[in-house]
């Protein structure tokens, strides 16, 4: 039925010329929305797993600013005391003291390249990697660090990480809404085209009824027509979306500064995107069948 010559000349409808392109546009939008959903979800997983395993400990500068030698000596002693506390904590795997050059590079966008000349005393930073398989008592660690060097603070990145995750979840919800709207638009389009075809070919359908054809036989004609054209248009839309995603991925890979988003899809992600094509074709087929069956039933 799918590749056989139909009894009803549906391919000659004026609406049939536009149906594949409409389906192609819908599959294109749905593929981009689903790809953004997959990319954002993978990005959230990387943020969550990576940053939850990292802490930053801020050690305040000593109070003795006048004597540079004494200042450096006290700062080194404070760092040593804090590192000793971190080393005694079982759930901490590594604690690395950032050099003053590295800290200066972090604050350079705000203080400029020569922050020392401004007389600003920046806290020392310690990058900490935590064992994710064990629970870390943040309250006890904060108390121990404050006892070693008063004013020492732990930055667990939870505040801004939570904001980023909420933003990413909002993008995911938007992508899901787009997918739903595309599905509804596809259903409405198939219903409209199918009813138009029924009106155009009503004399042929009545003749088939006189020859003994049942409604389900006629419905099969329309569902096969919708399936063929949906697969044709869906393939065009999927190829266009894949080409655009590939271009974004290539452009992101060529950007050394990381200003462009990285579009990286695994093989499983591409398989999921291909399901959009199949799902759209199935929606078109079932919608055409239900529309024809219901319309013919009302004409009886």
Foldseek 3Di string as FASTA:
>chain_A
DLPDDDLAPLCPDPVLVCLLQLLLVLLLLLLVLLLLLVVLVVVLVCLVVVLQQKKKKWAFFDPPPPDPVVRVVVLVQLVVLLVVLLVPFVFWDDKAWDDPQVVLVVCCVPCNNCNVVVVDGGTTMIMIGGRPVDDDDPVVSVVSSCVSHNPMDMDSVPPVSVVSVVVSVVSNVVSVVSNVVSLVVLLVSLLVSLVVSCVVCVVVVVVVVVVPDDLQSVLQSQLSSLLVSLLSSSVSNLVVNVVVLVVLQVVCVPDPVNPGDHSDDDPVSNVVSVVSSVVSSVSSSVSSSVSSVVVVVVVD
